[in-house]
Full PDB file with SEQRES, HELIX, SHEET, SSBOND, CRYST1, ORIGX, SCALE, CONECT and MASTER records, all heavy atoms in Angstrom:
SEQRES   1 A   38  TYR ASP ASN HIS VAL PHE MET ILE GLY ALA ASN ALA THR          
SEQRES   2 A   38  GLY VAL ASP PRO ALA GLY ILE PRO TYR PHE GLY ASN SER          
SEQRES   3 A   38  MET ILE VAL THR PRO ILE ALA GLU VAL ILE ALA ARG              
SHEET    1 AA1 3 MET A   7  GLY A   9  0                                        
SHEET    2 AA1 3 MET A  27  VAL A  29 -1                                        
SHEET    3 AA1 3 VAL A  35  ALA A  37 -1                                        
SHEET    1 AA2 2 THR A  13  VAL A  15  0                                        
SHEET    2 AA2 2 PRO A  21  PHE A  23 -1                                        
CRYST1    1.000    1.000    1.000  90.00  90.00  90.00 P 1           1          
ORIGX1      1.000000  0.000000  0.000000        0.00000                         
ORIGX2      0.000000  1.000000  0.000000        0.00000                         
ORIGX3      0.000000  0.000000  1.000000        0.00000                         
SCALE1      1.000000  0.000000  0.000000        0.00000                         
SCALE2      0.000000  1.000000  0.000000        0.00000                         
SCALE3      0.000000  0.000000  1.000000        0.00000                         
ATOM      1  N   TYR A   1      58.379 148.531  98.461  1.00  0.00           N  
ATOM      2  CA  TYR A   1      58.411 147.072  98.327  1.00  0.00           C  
ATOM      3  C   TYR A   1      57.605 146.386  99.415  1.00  0.00           C  
ATOM      4  O   TYR A   1      56.925 145.383  99.159  1.00  0.00           O  
ATOM      5  CB  TYR A   1      59.861 146.603  98.364  1.00  0.00           C  
ATOM      6  CG  TYR A   1      60.058 145.159  97.979  1.00  0.00           C  
ATOM      7  CD1 TYR A   1      59.662 144.692  96.732  1.00  0.00           C  
ATOM      8  CD2 TYR A   1      60.667 144.260  98.851  1.00  0.00           C  
ATOM      9  CE1 TYR A   1      59.855 143.364  96.368  1.00  0.00           C  
ATOM     10  CE2 TYR A   1      60.865 142.935  98.492  1.00  0.00           C  
ATOM     11  CZ  TYR A   1      60.455 142.491  97.254  1.00  0.00           C  
ATOM     12  OH  TYR A   1      60.655 141.182  96.897  1.00  0.00           O  
ATOM     13  N   ASP A   2      57.664 146.913 100.652  1.00  0.00           N  
ATOM     14  CA  ASP A   2      56.869 146.341 101.751  1.00  0.00           C  
ATOM     15  C   ASP A   2      55.408 146.200 101.358  1.00  0.00           C  
ATOM     16  O   ASP A   2      54.742 145.233 101.725  1.00  0.00           O  
ATOM     17  CB  ASP A   2      56.883 147.266 102.980  1.00  0.00           C  
ATOM     18  CG  ASP A   2      58.204 147.319 103.703  1.00  0.00           C  
ATOM     19  OD1 ASP A   2      59.048 146.446 103.468  1.00  0.00           O  
ATOM     20  OD2 ASP A   2      58.381 148.252 104.507  1.00  0.00           O  
ATOM     21  N   ASN A   3      54.914 147.217 100.665  1.00  0.00           N  
ATOM     22  CA  ASN A   3      53.471 147.351 100.460  1.00  0.00           C  
ATOM     23  C   ASN A   3      53.042 147.271  99.006  1.00  0.00           C  
ATOM     24  O   ASN A   3      51.856 147.394  98.702  1.00  0.00           O  
ATOM     25  CB  ASN A   3      53.013 148.696 101.036  1.00  0.00           C  
ATOM     26  CG  ASN A   3      53.359 148.811 102.500  1.00  0.00           C  
ATOM     27  OD1 ASN A   3      52.813 148.090 103.323  1.00  0.00           O  
ATOM     28  ND2 ASN A   3      54.273 149.711 102.827  1.00  0.00           N  
ATOM     29  N   HIS A   4      54.020 147.070  98.081  1.00  0.00           N  
ATOM     30  CA  HIS A   4      53.747 147.045  96.647  1.00  0.00           C  
ATOM     31  C   HIS A   4      52.926 148.273  96.227  1.00  0.00           C  
ATOM     32  O   HIS A   4      51.827 148.165  95.672  1.00  0.00           O  
ATOM     33  CB  HIS A   4      53.060 145.740  96.254  1.00  0.00           C  
ATOM     34  CG  HIS A   4      53.910 144.537  96.497  1.00  0.00           C  
ATOM     35  ND1 HIS A   4      55.197 144.412  95.998  1.00  0.00           N  
ATOM     36  CD2 HIS A   4      53.690 143.400  97.214  1.00  0.00           C  
ATOM     37  CE1 HIS A   4      55.710 143.256  96.383  1.00  0.00           C  
ATOM     38  NE2 HIS A   4      54.832 142.624  97.118  1.00  0.00           N  
ATOM     39  N   VAL A   5      53.508 149.437  96.520  1.00  0.00           N  
ATOM     40  CA  VAL A   5      52.928 150.708  96.101  1.00  0.00           C  
ATOM     41  C   VAL A   5      53.995 151.502  95.346  1.00  0.00           C  
ATOM     42  O   VAL A   5      55.189 151.263  95.492  1.00  0.00           O  
ATOM     43  CB  VAL A   5      52.437 151.541  97.305  1.00  0.00           C  
ATOM     44  CG1 VAL A   5      51.312 150.836  98.032  1.00  0.00           C  
ATOM     45  CG2 VAL A   5      53.585 151.865  98.271  1.00  0.00           C  
ATOM     46  N   PHE A   6      53.561 152.451  94.545  1.00  0.00           N  
ATOM     47  CA  PHE A   6      54.482 153.438  94.002  1.00  0.00           C  
ATOM     48  C   PHE A   6      54.814 154.443  95.114  1.00  0.00           C  
ATOM     49  O   PHE A   6      53.912 154.867  95.859  1.00  0.00           O  
ATOM     50  CB  PHE A   6      53.868 154.179  92.823  1.00  0.00           C  
ATOM     51  CG  PHE A   6      53.729 153.356  91.575  1.00  0.00           C  
ATOM     52  CD1 PHE A   6      52.509 152.789  91.228  1.00  0.00           C  
ATOM     53  CD2 PHE A   6      54.819 153.156  90.736  1.00  0.00           C  
ATOM     54  CE1 PHE A   6      52.375 152.032  90.071  1.00  0.00           C  
ATOM     55  CE2 PHE A   6      54.703 152.398  89.570  1.00  0.00           C  
ATOM     56  CZ  PHE A   6      53.482 151.828  89.240  1.00  0.00           C  
ATOM     57  N   MET A   7      56.077 154.821  95.219  1.00  0.00           N  
ATOM     58  CA  MET A   7      56.506 155.813  96.195  1.00  0.00           C  
ATOM     59  C   MET A   7      57.091 157.005  95.454  1.00  0.00           C  
ATOM     60  O   MET A   7      57.972 156.852  94.596  1.00  0.00           O  
ATOM     61  CB  MET A   7      57.558 155.205  97.124  1.00  0.00           C  
ATOM     62  CG  MET A   7      58.127 156.166  98.158  1.00  0.00           C  
ATOM     63  SD  MET A   7      56.978 156.551  99.494  1.00  0.00           S  
ATOM     64  CE  MET A   7      56.873 154.966 100.315  1.00  0.00           C  
ATOM     65  N   ILE A   8      56.589 158.195  95.777  1.00  0.00           N  
ATOM     66  CA  ILE A   8      57.120 159.432  95.202  1.00  0.00           C  
ATOM     67  C   ILE A   8      57.744 160.236  96.323  1.00  0.00           C  
ATOM     68  O   ILE A   8      57.041 160.757  97.200  1.00  0.00           O  
ATOM     69  CB  ILE A   8      56.019 160.252  94.504  1.00  0.00           C  
ATOM     70  CG1 ILE A   8      55.303 159.401  93.454  1.00  0.00           C  
ATOM     71  CG2 ILE A   8      56.616 161.501  93.859  1.00  0.00           C  
ATOM     72  CD1 ILE A   8      54.078 160.066  92.866  1.00  0.00           C  
ATOM     73  N   GLY A   9      59.067 160.319  96.317  1.00  0.00           N  
ATOM     74  CA  GLY A   9      59.798 161.041  97.357  1.00  0.00           C  
ATOM     75  C   GLY A   9      60.362 162.333  96.799  1.00  0.00           C  
ATOM     76  O   GLY A   9      61.250 162.304  95.934  1.00  0.00           O  
ATOM     77  N   ALA A  10      59.846 163.469  97.268  1.00  0.00           N  
ATOM     78  CA  ALA A  10      60.336 164.783  96.838  1.00  0.00           C  
ATOM     79  C   ALA A  10      61.138 165.381  97.986  1.00  0.00           C  
ATOM     80  O   ALA A  10      60.576 165.720  99.023  1.00  0.00           O  
ATOM     81  CB  ALA A  10      59.175 165.695  96.463  1.00  0.00           C  
ATOM     82  N   ASN A  11      62.450 165.498  97.801  1.00  0.00           N  
ATOM     83  CA  ASN A  11      63.318 165.957  98.882  1.00  0.00           C  
ATOM     84  C   ASN A  11      63.808 167.375  98.625  1.00  0.00           C  
ATOM     85  O   ASN A  11      64.074 167.761  97.485  1.00  0.00           O  
ATOM     86  CB  ASN A  11      64.525 165.020  99.029  1.00  0.00           C  
ATOM     87  CG  ASN A  11      65.248 165.208 100.345  1.00  0.00           C  
ATOM     88  OD1 ASN A  11      64.634 165.507 101.363  1.00  0.00           O  
ATOM     89  ND2 ASN A  11      66.549 165.028 100.330  1.00  0.00           N  
ATOM     90  N   ALA A  12      63.956 168.133  99.694  1.00  0.00           N  
ATOM     91  CA  ALA A  12      64.408 169.522  99.587  1.00  0.00           C  
ATOM     92  C   ALA A  12      65.859 169.590  99.135  1.00  0.00           C  
ATOM     93  O   ALA A  12      66.640 168.646  99.288  1.00  0.00           O  
ATOM     94  CB  ALA A  12      64.260 170.218 100.936  1.00  0.00           C  
ATOM     95  N   THR A  13      66.199 170.741  98.597  1.00  0.00           N  
ATOM     96  CA  THR A  13      67.586 171.065  98.300  1.00  0.00           C  
ATOM     97  C   THR A  13      67.844 172.485  98.795  1.00  0.00           C  
ATOM     98  O   THR A  13      66.948 173.144  99.316  1.00  0.00           O  
ATOM     99  CB  THR A  13      67.890 170.922  96.794  1.00  0.00           C  
ATOM    100  OG1 THR A  13      69.281 171.045  96.565  1.00  0.00           O  
ATOM    101  CG2 THR A  13      67.147 171.960  95.978  1.00  0.00           C  
ATOM    102  N   GLY A  14      69.074 172.950  98.683  1.00  0.00           N  
ATOM    103  CA  GLY A  14      69.392 174.290  99.150  1.00  0.00           C  
ATOM    104  C   GLY A  14      69.595 174.349 100.651  1.00  0.00           C  
ATOM    105  O   GLY A  14      69.893 173.340 101.298  1.00  0.00           O  
ATOM    106  N   VAL A  15      69.415 175.536 101.225  1.00  0.00           N  
ATOM    107  CA  VAL A  15      69.701 175.804 102.638  1.00  0.00           C  
ATOM    108  C   VAL A  15      68.486 176.460 103.276  1.00  0.00           C  
ATOM    109  O   VAL A  15      67.905 177.391 102.710  1.00  0.00           O  
ATOM    110  CB  VAL A  15      70.936 176.724 102.780  1.00  0.00           C  
ATOM    111  CG1 VAL A  15      71.213 177.049 104.238  1.00  0.00           C  
ATOM    112  CG2 VAL A  15      72.155 176.071 102.133  1.00  0.00           C  
ATOM    113  N   ASP A  16      68.080 175.977 104.462  1.00  0.00           N  
ATOM    114  CA  ASP A  16      66.899 176.535 105.114  1.00  0.00           C  
ATOM    115  C   ASP A  16      67.263 177.764 105.968  1.00  0.00           C  
ATOM    116  O   ASP A  16      68.438 178.133 106.065  1.00  0.00           O  
ATOM    117  CB  ASP A  16      66.149 175.452 105.896  1.00  0.00           C  
ATOM    118  CG  ASP A  16      66.846 174.993 107.165  1.00  0.00           C  
ATOM    119  OD1 ASP A  16      67.740 175.706 107.672  1.00  0.00           O  
ATOM    120  OD2 ASP A  16      66.485 173.912 107.679  1.00  0.00           O  
ATOM    121  N   PRO A  17      66.266 178.437 106.578  1.00  0.00           N  
ATOM    122  CA  PRO A  17      66.552 179.662 107.328  1.00  0.00           C  
ATOM    123  C   PRO A  17      67.527 179.482 108.497  1.00  0.00           C  
ATOM    124  O   PRO A  17      68.154 180.461 108.927  1.00  0.00           O  
ATOM    125  CB  PRO A  17      65.176 180.087 107.837  1.00  0.00           C  
ATOM    126  CG  PRO A  17      64.234 179.582 106.808  1.00  0.00           C  
ATOM    127  CD  PRO A  17      64.809 178.250 106.402  1.00  0.00           C  
ATOM    128  N   ALA A  18      67.669 178.258 108.994  1.00  0.00           N  
ATOM    129  CA  ALA A  18      68.630 178.007 110.069  1.00  0.00           C  
ATOM    130  C   ALA A  18      70.021 177.678 109.538  1.00  0.00           C  
ATOM    131  O   ALA A  18      70.935 177.399 110.317  1.00  0.00           O  
ATOM    132  CB  ALA A  18      68.135 176.873 110.961  1.00  0.00           C  
ATOM    133  N   GLY A  19      70.193 177.694 108.216  1.00  0.00           N  
ATOM    134  CA  GLY A  19      71.499 177.423 107.621  1.00  0.00           C  
ATOM    135  C   GLY A  19      71.796 175.959 107.401  1.00  0.00           C  
ATOM    136  O   GLY A  19      72.943 175.578 107.166  1.00  0.00           O  
ATOM    137  N   ILE A  20      70.769 175.104 107.436  1.00  0.00           N  
ATOM    138  CA  ILE A  20      70.966 173.658 107.284  1.00  0.00           C  
ATOM    139  C   ILE A  20      70.781 173.275 105.819  1.00  0.00           C  
ATOM    140  O   ILE A  20      69.771 173.632 105.202  1.00  0.00           O  
ATOM    141  CB  ILE A  20      69.987 172.885 108.177  1.00  0.00           C  
ATOM    142  CG1 ILE A  20      70.269 173.216 109.648  1.00  0.00           C  
ATOM    143  CG2 ILE A  20      70.082 171.385 107.931  1.00  0.00           C  
ATOM    144  CD1 ILE A  20      69.266 172.652 110.612  1.00  0.00           C  
ATOM    145  N   PRO A  21      71.761 172.543 105.231  1.00  0.00           N  
ATOM    146  CA  PRO A  21      71.679 172.189 103.803  1.00  0.00           C  
ATOM    147  C   PRO A  21      70.953 170.866 103.572  1.00  0.00           C  
ATOM    148  O   PRO A  21      70.925 169.990 104.439  1.00  0.00           O  
ATOM    149  CB  PRO A  21      73.155 172.074 103.397  1.00  0.00           C  
ATOM    150  CG  PRO A  21      73.827 171.595 104.653  1.00  0.00           C  
ATOM    151  CD  PRO A  21      73.070 172.208 105.813  1.00  0.00           C  
ATOM    152  N   TYR A  22      70.392 170.731 102.367  1.00  0.00           N  
ATOM    153  CA  TYR A  22      69.673 169.525 101.963  1.00  0.00           C  
ATOM    154  C   TYR A  22      70.206 169.050 100.616  1.00  0.00           C  
ATOM    155  O   TYR A  22      70.724 169.841  99.831  1.00  0.00           O  
ATOM    156  CB  TYR A  22      68.165 169.802 101.897  1.00  0.00           C  
ATOM    157  CG  TYR A  22      67.650 170.231 103.247  1.00  0.00           C  
ATOM    158  CD1 TYR A  22      67.683 171.574 103.622  1.00  0.00           C  
ATOM    159  CD2 TYR A  22      67.207 169.305 104.183  1.00  0.00           C  
ATOM    160  CE1 TYR A  22      67.265 171.969 104.882  1.00  0.00           C  
ATOM    161  CE2 TYR A  22      66.790 169.692 105.444  1.00  0.00           C  
ATOM    162  CZ  TYR A  22      66.827 171.021 105.794  1.00  0.00           C  
ATOM    163  OH  TYR A  22      66.429 171.417 107.039  1.00  0.00           O  
ATOM    164  N   PHE A  23      70.062 167.739 100.341  1.00  0.00           N  
ATOM    165  CA  PHE A  23      70.790 167.139  99.223  1.00  0.00           C  
ATOM    166  C   PHE A  23      69.925 166.722  98.046  1.00  0.00           C  
ATOM    167  O   PHE A  23      70.410 166.109  97.094  1.00  0.00           O  
ATOM    168  CB  PHE A  23      71.612 165.942  99.693  1.00  0.00           C  
ATOM    169  CG  PHE A  23      70.809 164.840 100.346  1.00  0.00           C  
ATOM    170  CD1 PHE A  23      70.139 163.896  99.578  1.00  0.00           C  
ATOM    171  CD2 PHE A  23      70.751 164.726 101.723  1.00  0.00           C  
ATOM    172  CE1 PHE A  23      69.419 162.870 100.170  1.00  0.00           C  
ATOM    173  CE2 PHE A  23      70.035 163.708 102.327  1.00  0.00           C  
ATOM    174  CZ  PHE A  23      69.362 162.778 101.542  1.00  0.00           C  
ATOM    175  N   GLY A  24      68.636 167.014  98.059  1.00  0.00           N  
ATOM    176  CA  GLY A  24      67.807 166.641  96.912  1.00  0.00           C  
ATOM    177  C   GLY A  24      67.697 165.141  96.741  1.00  0.00           C  
ATOM    178  O   GLY A  24      67.314 164.418  97.653  1.00  0.00           O  
ATOM    179  N   ASN A  25      68.038 164.637  95.538  1.00  0.00           N  
ATOM    180  CA  ASN A  25      67.999 163.201  95.270  1.00  0.00           C  
ATOM    181  C   ASN A  25      66.564 162.659  95.293  1.00  0.00           C  
ATOM    182  O   ASN A  25      66.313 161.515  95.651  1.00  0.00           O  
ATOM    183  CB  ASN A  25      68.876 162.435  96.263  1.00  0.00           C  
ATOM    184  CG  ASN A  25      69.274 161.056  95.793  1.00  0.00           C  
ATOM    185  OD1 ASN A  25      69.306 160.095  96.568  1.00  0.00           O  
ATOM    186  ND2 ASN A  25      69.593 160.927  94.527  1.00  0.00           N  
ATOM    187  N   SER A  26      65.603 163.519  94.907  1.00  0.00           N  
ATOM    188  CA  SER A  26      64.211 163.074  94.815  1.00  0.00           C  
ATOM    189  C   SER A  26      64.118 161.851  93.916  1.00  0.00           C  
ATOM    190  O   SER A  26      64.912 161.684  92.991  1.00  0.00           O  
ATOM    191  CB  SER A  26      63.338 164.198  94.259  1.00  0.00           C  
ATOM    192  OG  SER A  26      63.351 165.311  95.116  1.00  0.00           O  
ATOM    193  N   MET A  27      63.134 160.993  94.193  1.00  0.00           N  
ATOM    194  CA  MET A  27      63.040 159.751  93.427  1.00  0.00           C  
ATOM    195  C   MET A  27      61.613 159.232  93.356  1.00  0.00           C  
ATOM    196  O   MET A  27      60.758 159.567  94.187  1.00  0.00           O  
ATOM    197  CB  MET A  27      63.961 158.679  94.009  1.00  0.00           C  
ATOM    198  CG  MET A  27      63.624 158.252  95.416  1.00  0.00           C  
ATOM    199  SD  MET A  27      64.802 156.998  96.021  1.00  0.00           S  
ATOM    200  CE  MET A  27      66.344 157.909  96.015  1.00  0.00           C  
ATOM    201  N   ILE A  28      61.396 158.399  92.341  1.00  0.00           N  
ATOM    202  CA  ILE A  28      60.140 157.682  92.186  1.00  0.00           C  
ATOM    203  C   ILE A  28      60.467 156.201  92.120  1.00  0.00           C  
ATOM    204  O   ILE A  28      61.374 155.786  91.393  1.00  0.00           O  
ATOM    205  CB  ILE A  28      59.397 158.143  90.917  1.00  0.00           C  
ATOM    206  CG1 ILE A  28      59.082 159.645  91.010  1.00  0.00           C  
ATOM    207  CG2 ILE A  28      58.116 157.339  90.718  1.00  0.00           C  
ATOM    208  CD1 ILE A  28      58.467 160.234  89.756  1.00  0.00           C  
ATOM    209  N   VAL A  29      59.750 155.405  92.922  1.00  0.00           N  
ATOM    210  CA  VAL A  29      60.060 153.988  93.093  1.00  0.00           C  
ATOM    211  C   VAL A  29      58.824 153.159  92.767  1.00  0.00           C  
ATOM    212  O   VAL A  29      57.702 153.524  93.115  1.00  0.00           O  
ATOM    213  CB  VAL A  29      60.512 153.700  94.545  1.00  0.00           C  
ATOM    214  CG1 VAL A  29      61.003 152.262  94.686  1.00  0.00           C  
ATOM    215  CG2 VAL A  29      61.612 154.675  94.984  1.00  0.00           C  
ATOM    216  N   THR A  30      59.035 152.021  92.117  1.00  0.00           N  
ATOM    217  CA  THR A  30      57.926 151.147  91.736  1.00  0.00           C  
ATOM    218  C   THR A  30      57.580 150.170  92.862  1.00  0.00           C  
ATOM    219  O   THR A  30      58.337 150.018  93.830  1.00  0.00           O  
ATOM    220  CB  THR A  30      58.271 150.320  90.487  1.00  0.00           C  
ATOM    221  OG1 THR A  30      59.198 149.283  90.856  1.00  0.00           O  
ATOM    222  CG2 THR A  30      58.870 151.180  89.390  1.00  0.00           C  
ATOM    223  N   PRO A  31      56.456 149.463  92.735  1.00  0.00           N  
ATOM    224  CA  PRO A  31      56.068 148.479  93.749  1.00  0.00           C  
ATOM    225  C   PRO A  31      57.014 147.288  93.890  1.00  0.00           C  
ATOM    226  O   PRO A  31      56.857 146.497  94.819  1.00  0.00           O  
ATOM    227  CB  PRO A  31      54.684 148.022  93.281  1.00  0.00           C  
ATOM    228  CG  PRO A  31      54.145 149.203  92.542  1.00  0.00           C  
ATOM    229  CD  PRO A  31      55.334 149.748  91.816  1.00  0.00           C  
ATOM    230  N   ILE A  32      57.991 147.129  92.982  1.00  0.00           N  
ATOM    231  CA  ILE A  32      58.998 146.087  93.179  1.00  0.00           C  
ATOM    232  C   ILE A  32      60.361 146.698  93.497  1.00  0.00           C  
ATOM    233  O   ILE A  32      61.403 146.081  93.300  1.00  0.00           O  
ATOM    234  CB  ILE A  32      59.086 145.126  91.972  1.00  0.00           C  
ATOM    235  CG1 ILE A  32      59.435 145.871  90.681  1.00  0.00           C  
ATOM    236  CG2 ILE A  32      57.788 144.337  91.827  1.00  0.00           C  
ATOM    237  CD1 ILE A  32      59.795 144.936  89.522  1.00  0.00           C  
ATOM    238  N   ALA A  33      60.331 147.938  94.019  1.00  0.00           N  
ATOM    239  CA  ALA A  33      61.513 148.622  94.577  1.00  0.00           C  
ATOM    240  C   ALA A  33      62.499 149.132  93.537  1.00  0.00           C  
ATOM    241  O   ALA A  33      63.643 149.414  93.855  1.00  0.00           O  
ATOM    242  CB  ALA A  33      62.227 147.738  95.603  1.00  0.00           C  
ATOM    243  N   GLU A  34      62.057 149.291  92.295  1.00  0.00           N  
ATOM    244  CA  GLU A  34      62.936 149.838  91.268  1.00  0.00           C  
ATOM    245  C   GLU A  34      62.846 151.363  91.264  1.00  0.00           C  
ATOM    246  O   GLU A  34      61.749 151.930  91.194  1.00  0.00           O  
ATOM    247  CB  GLU A  34      62.546 149.317  89.887  1.00  0.00           C  
ATOM    248  CG  GLU A  34      63.438 149.853  88.781  1.00  0.00           C  
ATOM    249  CD  GLU A  34      62.992 149.428  87.396  1.00  0.00           C  
ATOM    250  OE1 GLU A  34      61.881 148.870  87.261  1.00  0.00           O  
ATOM    251  OE2 GLU A  34      63.752 149.663  86.431  1.00  0.00           O  
ATOM    252  N   VAL A  35      63.994 152.024  91.350  1.00  0.00           N  
ATOM    253  CA  VAL A  35      64.035 153.481  91.233  1.00  0.00           C  
ATOM    254  C   VAL A  35      63.972 153.826  89.744  1.00  0.00           C  
ATOM    255  O   VAL A  35      64.910 153.554  88.996  1.00  0.00           O  
ATOM    256  CB  VAL A  35      65.301 154.066  91.869  1.00  0.00           C  
ATOM    257  CG1 VAL A  35      65.349 155.583  91.685  1.00  0.00           C  
ATOM    258  CG2 VAL A  35      65.375 153.714  93.359  1.00  0.00           C  
ATOM    259  N   ILE A  36      62.859 154.415  89.315  1.00  0.00           N  
ATOM    260  CA  ILE A  36      62.671 154.690  87.887  1.00  0.00           C  
ATOM    261  C   ILE A  36      62.898 156.163  87.549  1.00  0.00           C  
ATOM    262  O   ILE A  36      62.861 156.541  86.376  1.00  0.00           O  
ATOM    263  CB  ILE A  36      61.288 154.239  87.394  1.00  0.00           C  
ATOM    264  CG1 ILE A  36      60.166 154.829  88.260  1.00  0.00           C  
ATOM    265  CG2 ILE A  36      61.206 152.728  87.359  1.00  0.00           C  
ATOM    266  CD1 ILE A  36      58.768 154.548  87.717  1.00  0.00           C  
ATOM    267  N   ALA A  37      63.129 156.988  88.564  1.00  0.00           N  
ATOM    268  CA  ALA A  37      63.494 158.388  88.330  1.00  0.00           C  
ATOM    269  C   ALA A  37      64.266 158.860  89.546  1.00  0.00           C  
ATOM    270  O   ALA A  37      63.882 158.578  90.676  1.00  0.00           O  
ATOM    271  CB  ALA A  37      62.254 159.247  88.116  1.00  0.00           C  
ATOM    272  N   ARG A  38      65.358 159.580  89.293  1.00  0.00           N  
ATOM    273  CA  ARG A  38      66.192 160.054  90.396  1.00  0.00           C  
ATOM    274  C   ARG A  38      66.782 161.415  90.021  1.00  0.00           C  
ATOM    275  O   ARG A  38      67.366 161.592  88.959  1.00  0.00           O  
ATOM    276  CB  ARG A  38      67.327 159.063  90.673  1.00  0.00           C  
ATOM    277  CG  ARG A  38      68.154 159.406  91.905  1.00  0.00           C  
ATOM    278  CD  ARG A  38      69.477 158.652  91.906  1.00  0.00           C  
ATOM    279  NE  ARG A  38      69.316 157.216  91.803  1.00  0.00           N  
ATOM    280  CZ  ARG A  38      69.225 156.394  92.846  1.00  0.00           C  
ATOM    281  NH1 ARG A  38      69.280 156.869  94.068  1.00  0.00           N  
ATOM    282  NH2 ARG A  38      69.108 155.090  92.642  1.00  0.00           N  
TER     283      ARG A  38                                                      
MASTER        0    0    0    0    5    0    0    6  282    1    0    3          
END                                                                             
């Protein structure tokens, strides 16, 4: 929204080699801040 761009956020899931977990929730956001995929 700050910049009126599309944002594609791809977040990790699972557990890394140090045993730290991740929650996914990847999303695609429009230039007016609408989450159109989650």
